[in-house]
Amino acid sequence: MSVLATQFLRRTTVTLLNAPAAPTEVDIFGPESGTEPPYAENTDHVIRPRQIRQNEAGFVVIDLPGAFVNANIFLRGVEVYSRNSIPMQRGLGTAMFPSGAATPSSPMLKRQIFSSSANDTPTTLAAILSILGGTLTGSDATKDTPAIKVNADEFVKLRLFNNTGGPVTDTIDSKFDLGRAAVNTSGAH
């Protein structure tokens, strides 16, 4: 069976306030289709064959901009949440067609990739950048290596703490590579 691989770029403008009471939370969403009105509910058939983008899964590489790679900006957490916006339909483990479901107000934590309770992990550390993907050495130094897997209906939440002395604003680029098998991280299609 063939799988259609798609790539998607999300640009998120973020302002980190200086040393706030809590870290700034940044939600990184993948491609999304608009919700549709409900149809064919509680039946075994559907009348619209289109699949929504929220069902796509794959990997994401998050590039922290130069302004955020700073010894006084700290990564406090990287987590993957499920929006739970795709309710299951009859006979399916997950919704395969639009159902008009509203986005929930309280997403559910699925995986914690990185967590720190103190400002001990500056974004200048190579280990931090490699968690987000894209940082290798030698001949692979410029190759994006997807490090965060996102399943259908999932998004990534970053927590960044700014202690630079003033607000910092920049754009975070998130590169999604969707529709690939979880074991295929070679970049070849």
C-alpha atoms as a PDB file:
ATOM      1  CA  MET A   1       0.000   0.000   0.000  1.00  0.00           C
ATOM      2  CA  SER A   2       1.390   3.397  -0.901  1.00  0.00           C
ATOM      3  CA  VAL A   3       1.287   6.348   1.459  1.00  0.00           C
ATOM      4  CA  LEU A   4       1.139   9.942   0.285  1.00  0.00           C
ATOM      5  CA  ALA A   5       3.927  11.873   1.998  1.00  0.00           C
ATOM      6  CA  THR A   6       3.287  15.573   2.527  1.00  0.00           C
ATOM      7  CA  GLN A   7       5.474  18.346   3.850  1.00  0.00           C
ATOM      8  CA  PHE A   8       4.228  21.432   5.614  1.00  0.00           C
ATOM      9  CA  LEU A   9       5.812  24.557   7.112  1.00  0.00           C
ATOM     10  CA  ARG A  10       4.249  26.424  10.047  1.00  0.00           C
ATOM     11  CA  ARG A  11       5.640  29.830  11.059  1.00  0.00           C
ATOM     12  CA  THR A  12       4.708  30.968  14.562  1.00  0.00           C
ATOM     13  CA  THR A  13       5.567  34.463  15.792  1.00  0.00           C
ATOM     14  CA  VAL A  14       6.341  34.393  19.512  1.00  0.00           C
ATOM     15  CA  THR A  15       7.172  37.085  22.080  1.00  0.00           C
ATOM     16  CA  LEU A  16       8.974  35.904  25.192  1.00  0.00           C
ATOM     17  CA  LEU A  17       8.398  38.369  28.034  1.00  0.00           C
ATOM     18  CA  ASN A  18      11.331  38.985  30.336  1.00  0.00           C
ATOM     19  CA  ALA A  19      11.405  36.632  33.345  1.00  0.00           C
ATOM     20  CA  PRO A  20       7.641  36.216  33.716  1.00  0.00           C
ATOM     21  CA  ALA A  21       6.161  34.322  36.647  1.00  0.00           C
ATOM     22  CA  ALA A  22       5.830  31.301  34.345  1.00  0.00           C
ATOM     23  CA  PRO A  23       7.479  30.238  31.084  1.00  0.00           C
ATOM     24  CA  THR A  24       5.897  31.305  27.801  1.00  0.00           C
ATOM     25  CA  GLU A  25       3.935  28.406  26.281  1.00  0.00           C
ATOM     26  CA  VAL A  26       4.085  27.991  22.511  1.00  0.00           C
ATOM     27  CA  ASP A  27       1.734  25.581  20.722  1.00  0.00           C
ATOM     28  CA  ILE A  28       3.012  24.191  17.401  1.00  0.00           C
ATOM     29  CA  PHE A  29       0.108  22.914  15.294  1.00  0.00           C
ATOM     30  CA  GLY A  30       0.414  20.930  12.086  1.00  0.00           C
ATOM     31  CA  PRO A  31      -1.786  21.286   9.000  1.00  0.00           C
ATOM     32  CA  GLU A  32      -5.501  21.449   9.771  1.00  0.00           C
ATOM     33  CA  SER A  33      -8.746  21.211   7.829  1.00  0.00           C
ATOM     34  CA  GLY A  34     -11.736  23.229   8.863  1.00  0.00           C
ATOM     35  CA  THR A  35     -14.465  21.368  10.708  1.00  0.00           C
ATOM     36  CA  GLU A  36     -17.511  20.348   8.696  1.00  0.00           C
ATOM     37  CA  PRO A  37     -21.142  19.977   9.728  1.00  0.00           C
ATOM     38  CA  PRO A  38     -22.037  16.522  11.093  1.00  0.00           C
ATOM     39  CA  TYR A  39     -23.367  13.992   8.617  1.00  0.00           C
ATOM     40  CA  ALA A  40     -24.095  10.281   8.511  1.00  0.00           C
ATOM     41  CA  GLU A  41     -23.760  10.071  12.278  1.00  0.00           C
ATOM     42  CA  ASN A  42     -24.688   6.714  13.870  1.00  0.00           C
ATOM     43  CA  THR A  43     -24.682   4.961  10.511  1.00  0.00           C
ATOM     44  CA  ASP A  44     -22.286   2.617   8.772  1.00  0.00           C
ATOM     45  CA  HIS A  45     -21.775   4.792   5.711  1.00  0.00           C
ATOM     46  CA  VAL A  46     -20.400   8.196   4.854  1.00  0.00           C
ATOM     47  CA  ILE A  47     -21.304  10.579   2.078  1.00  0.00           C
ATOM     48  CA  ARG A  48     -18.141  12.660   1.832  1.00  0.00           C
ATOM     49  CA  PRO A  49     -14.948  10.787   0.928  1.00  0.00           C
ATOM     50  CA  ARG A  50     -12.521  13.545   2.000  1.00  0.00           C
ATOM     51  CA  GLN A  51     -10.130  12.855   4.847  1.00  0.00           C
ATOM     52  CA  ILE A  52      -9.196  15.739   7.109  1.00  0.00           C
ATOM     53  CA  ARG A  53      -5.628  16.942   7.597  1.00  0.00           C
ATOM     54  CA  GLN A  54      -5.754  16.347  11.364  1.00  0.00           C
ATOM     55  CA  ASN A  55      -5.527  12.607  10.613  1.00  0.00           C
ATOM     56  CA  GLU A  56      -2.041  12.947   9.138  1.00  0.00           C
ATOM     57  CA  ALA A  57       0.859  11.718  11.249  1.00  0.00           C
ATOM     58  CA  GLY A  58       4.608  11.883  10.903  1.00  0.00           C
ATOM     59  CA  PHE A  59       7.470  13.950  12.267  1.00  0.00           C
ATOM     60  CA  VAL A  60       8.209  17.588  13.013  1.00  0.00           C
ATOM     61  CA  VAL A  61      11.492  19.494  13.195  1.00  0.00           C
ATOM     62  CA  ILE A  62      11.292  22.725  15.205  1.00  0.00           C
ATOM     63  CA  ASP A  63      13.882  25.392  14.413  1.00  0.00           C
ATOM     64  CA  LEU A  64      14.437  27.837  17.238  1.00  0.00           C
ATOM     65  CA  PRO A  65      15.327  31.218  15.712  1.00  0.00           C
ATOM     66  CA  GLY A  66      18.675  32.867  16.409  1.00  0.00           C
ATOM     67  CA  ALA A  67      17.100  35.282  18.909  1.00  0.00           C
ATOM     68  CA  PHE A  68      15.886  32.331  21.000  1.00  0.00           C
ATOM     69  CA  VAL A  69      19.206  30.436  20.953  1.00  0.00           C
ATOM     70  CA  ASN A  70      20.619  32.382  23.871  1.00  0.00           C
ATOM     71  CA  ALA A  71      22.384  31.447  27.104  1.00  0.00           C
ATOM     72  CA  ASN A  72      19.693  33.399  29.008  1.00  0.00           C
ATOM     73  CA  ILE A  73      16.706  31.715  27.352  1.00  0.00           C
ATOM     74  CA  PHE A  74      15.861  28.352  28.846  1.00  0.00           C
ATOM     75  CA  LEU A  75      13.849  25.439  27.526  1.00  0.00           C
ATOM     76  CA  ARG A  76      11.628  24.257  30.371  1.00  0.00           C
ATOM     77  CA  GLY A  77       9.520  21.677  28.537  1.00  0.00           C
ATOM     78  CA  VAL A  78       8.629  19.892  25.302  1.00  0.00           C
ATOM     79  CA  GLU A  79       5.370  17.928  25.348  1.00  0.00           C
ATOM     80  CA  VAL A  80       3.012  16.346  22.845  1.00  0.00           C
ATOM     81  CA  TYR A  81      -0.717  16.858  23.383  1.00  0.00           C
ATOM     82  CA  SER A  82      -3.797  15.409  21.705  1.00  0.00           C
ATOM     83  CA  ARG A  83      -6.518  17.899  20.904  1.00  0.00           C
ATOM     84  CA  ASN A  84      -9.206  15.180  21.071  1.00  0.00           C
ATOM     85  CA  SER A  85     -10.985  17.051  18.296  1.00  0.00           C
ATOM     86  CA  ILE A  86     -11.644  13.959  16.181  1.00  0.00           C
ATOM     87  CA  PRO A  87     -14.348  11.869  17.847  1.00  0.00           C
ATOM     88  CA  MET A  88     -14.486   8.215  16.952  1.00  0.00           C
ATOM     89  CA  GLN A  89     -17.161   7.130  14.500  1.00  0.00           C
ATOM     90  CA  ARG A  90     -18.988   3.856  14.317  1.00  0.00           C
ATOM     91  CA  GLY A  91     -16.733   0.922  13.505  1.00  0.00           C
ATOM     92  CA  LEU A  92     -13.554   3.027  13.407  1.00  0.00           C
ATOM     93  CA  GLY A  93     -10.773   3.416  15.930  1.00  0.00           C
ATOM     94  CA  THR A  94     -10.492   7.049  14.919  1.00  0.00           C
ATOM     95  CA  ALA A  95     -12.590   9.352  12.771  1.00  0.00           C
ATOM     96  CA  MET A  96     -11.634   9.109   9.108  1.00  0.00           C
ATOM     97  CA  PHE A  97     -14.047  11.749   7.820  1.00  0.00           C
ATOM     98  CA  PRO A  98     -15.090  15.221   8.997  1.00  0.00           C
ATOM     99  CA  SER A  99     -17.650  15.119  11.785  1.00  0.00           C
ATOM    100  CA  GLY A 100     -18.015  18.770  12.792  1.00  0.00           C
ATOM    101  CA  ALA A 101     -16.507  18.210  16.228  1.00  0.00           C
ATOM    102  CA  ALA A 102     -15.467  21.288  18.135  1.00  0.00           C
ATOM    103  CA  THR A 103     -11.911  21.650  19.387  1.00  0.00           C
ATOM    104  CA  PRO A 104     -11.840  20.762  23.092  1.00  0.00           C
ATOM    105  CA  SER A 105     -10.898  23.377  25.633  1.00  0.00           C
ATOM    106  CA  SER A 106      -8.550  21.074  27.553  1.00  0.00           C
ATOM    107  CA  PRO A 107      -6.200  18.988  25.365  1.00  0.00           C
ATOM    108  CA  MET A 108      -4.764  15.796  26.843  1.00  0.00           C
ATOM    109  CA  LEU A 109      -1.044  15.251  27.488  1.00  0.00           C
ATOM    110  CA  LYS A 110       0.196  12.247  25.471  1.00  0.00           C
ATOM    111  CA  ARG A 111       3.995  12.309  25.824  1.00  0.00           C
ATOM    112  CA  GLN A 112       6.536  14.335  27.752  1.00  0.00           C
ATOM    113  CA  ILE A 113       9.728  14.635  25.720  1.00  0.00           C
ATOM    114  CA  PHE A 114      11.680  17.015  27.931  1.00  0.00           C
ATOM    115  CA  SER A 115      11.042  18.691  31.277  1.00  0.00           C
ATOM    116  CA  SER A 116      13.027  20.960  33.579  1.00  0.00           C
ATOM    117  CA  SER A 117      11.818  22.684  36.732  1.00  0.00           C
ATOM    118  CA  ALA A 118      14.689  25.170  36.889  1.00  0.00           C
ATOM    119  CA  ASN A 119      16.651  27.380  34.533  1.00  0.00           C
ATOM    120  CA  ASP A 120      19.397  24.827  34.006  1.00  0.00           C
ATOM    121  CA  THR A 121      18.968  24.068  30.303  1.00  0.00           C
ATOM    122  CA  PRO A 122      19.843  27.065  28.098  1.00  0.00           C
ATOM    123  CA  THR A 123      18.771  26.828  24.467  1.00  0.00           C
ATOM    124  CA  THR A 124      22.432  27.087  23.437  1.00  0.00           C
ATOM    125  CA  LEU A 125      23.013  23.439  24.446  1.00  0.00           C
ATOM    126  CA  ALA A 126      23.407  21.111  21.462  1.00  0.00           C
ATOM    127  CA  ALA A 127      21.418  18.447  23.320  1.00  0.00           C
ATOM    128  CA  ILE A 128      18.419  20.791  23.551  1.00  0.00           C
ATOM    129  CA  LEU A 129      18.559  21.661  19.864  1.00  0.00           C
ATOM    130  CA  SER A 130      18.842  17.986  18.926  1.00  0.00           C
ATOM    131  CA  ILE A 131      15.651  17.204  20.862  1.00  0.00           C
ATOM    132  CA  LEU A 132      13.841  19.564  18.503  1.00  0.00           C
ATOM    133  CA  GLY A 133      15.592  18.046  15.452  1.00  0.00           C
ATOM    134  CA  GLY A 134      18.055  19.248  12.868  1.00  0.00           C
ATOM    135  CA  THR A 135      21.285  19.475  14.877  1.00  0.00           C
ATOM    136  CA  LEU A 136      23.890  16.896  13.917  1.00  0.00           C
ATOM    137  CA  THR A 137      27.647  16.938  13.420  1.00  0.00           C
ATOM    138  CA  GLY A 138      29.989  16.081  10.582  1.00  0.00           C
ATOM    139  CA  SER A 139      28.591  15.469   7.100  1.00  0.00           C
ATOM    140  CA  ASP A 140      25.015  15.396   8.465  1.00  0.00           C
ATOM    141  CA  ALA A 141      25.246  18.816  10.135  1.00  0.00           C
ATOM    142  CA  THR A 142      22.796  20.459   7.728  1.00  0.00           C
ATOM    143  CA  LYS A 143      20.313  17.584   7.547  1.00  0.00           C
ATOM    144  CA  ASP A 144      17.018  17.851   9.396  1.00  0.00           C
ATOM    145  CA  THR A 145      16.578  14.771  11.551  1.00  0.00           C
ATOM    146  CA  PRO A 146      12.993  14.511  12.729  1.00  0.00           C
ATOM    147  CA  ALA A 147      13.096  13.996  16.460  1.00  0.00           C
ATOM    148  CA  ILE A 148       9.460  14.570  17.472  1.00  0.00           C
ATOM    149  CA  LYS A 149       6.802  12.154  16.268  1.00  0.00           C
ATOM    150  CA  VAL A 150       3.250  13.475  16.032  1.00  0.00           C
ATOM    151  CA  ASN A 151       0.307  11.135  15.606  1.00  0.00           C
ATOM    152  CA  ALA A 152      -3.074  12.128  14.218  1.00  0.00           C
ATOM    153  CA  ASP A 153      -4.624  15.084  16.055  1.00  0.00           C
ATOM    154  CA  GLU A 154      -1.484  15.849  18.097  1.00  0.00           C
ATOM    155  CA  PHE A 155       0.502  19.058  18.543  1.00  0.00           C
ATOM    156  CA  VAL A 156       3.734  20.071  20.282  1.00  0.00           C
ATOM    157  CA  LYS A 157       3.866  22.462  23.247  1.00  0.00           C
ATOM    158  CA  LEU A 158       7.120  24.283  24.064  1.00  0.00           C
ATOM    159  CA  ARG A 159       7.811  26.116  27.329  1.00  0.00           C
ATOM    160  CA  LEU A 160      10.484  28.822  27.074  1.00  0.00           C
ATOM    161  CA  PHE A 161      11.758  31.039  29.892  1.00  0.00           C
ATOM    162  CA  ASN A 162      13.330  34.403  29.053  1.00  0.00           C
ATOM    163  CA  ASN A 163      15.880  35.933  31.434  1.00  0.00           C
ATOM    164  CA  THR A 164      17.641  38.281  28.981  1.00  0.00           C
ATOM    165  CA  GLY A 165      16.502  41.550  30.545  1.00  0.00           C
ATOM    166  CA  GLY A 166      13.839  42.427  27.984  1.00  0.00           C
ATOM    167  CA  PRO A 167      11.190  40.926  25.705  1.00  0.00           C
ATOM    168  CA  VAL A 168      12.384  38.874  22.731  1.00  0.00           C
ATOM    169  CA  THR A 169      10.248  38.422  19.604  1.00  0.00           C
ATOM    170  CA  ASP A 170      11.010  36.109  16.690  1.00  0.00           C
ATOM    171  CA  THR A 171       9.472  33.448  14.439  1.00  0.00           C
ATOM    172  CA  ILE A 172       9.690  29.706  15.131  1.00  0.00           C
ATOM    173  CA  ASP A 173       9.680  27.563  11.969  1.00  0.00           C
ATOM    174  CA  SER A 174       8.203  24.074  12.292  1.00  0.00           C
ATOM    175  CA  LYS A 175       8.741  21.679   9.401  1.00  0.00           C
ATOM    176  CA  PHE A 176       6.311  18.757   9.260  1.00  0.00           C
ATOM    177  CA  ASP A 177       7.024  15.594   7.265  1.00  0.00           C
ATOM    178  CA  LEU A 178       3.770  13.651   7.323  1.00  0.00           C
ATOM    179  CA  GLY A 179       2.479  10.381   5.941  1.00  0.00           C
ATOM    180  CA  ARG A 180       5.647   8.398   6.621  1.00  0.00           C
ATOM    181  CA  ALA A 181       6.082   5.189   8.543  1.00  0.00           C
ATOM    182  CA  ALA A 182       7.441   5.791  12.035  1.00  0.00           C
ATOM    183  CA  VAL A 183      10.545   3.686  11.297  1.00  0.00           C
ATOM    184  CA  ASN A 184      11.458   5.658   8.169  1.00  0.00           C
ATOM    185  CA  THR A 185      13.577   8.612   9.239  1.00  0.00           C
ATOM    186  CA  SER A 186      16.065   8.440   6.386  1.00  0.00           C
ATOM    187  CA  GLY A 187      14.419  11.204   4.391  1.00  0.00           C
ATOM    188  CA  ALA A 188      14.058   8.955   1.320  1.00  0.00           C
ATOM    189  CA  HIS A 189      10.596   8.477  -0.114  1.00  0.00           C
END
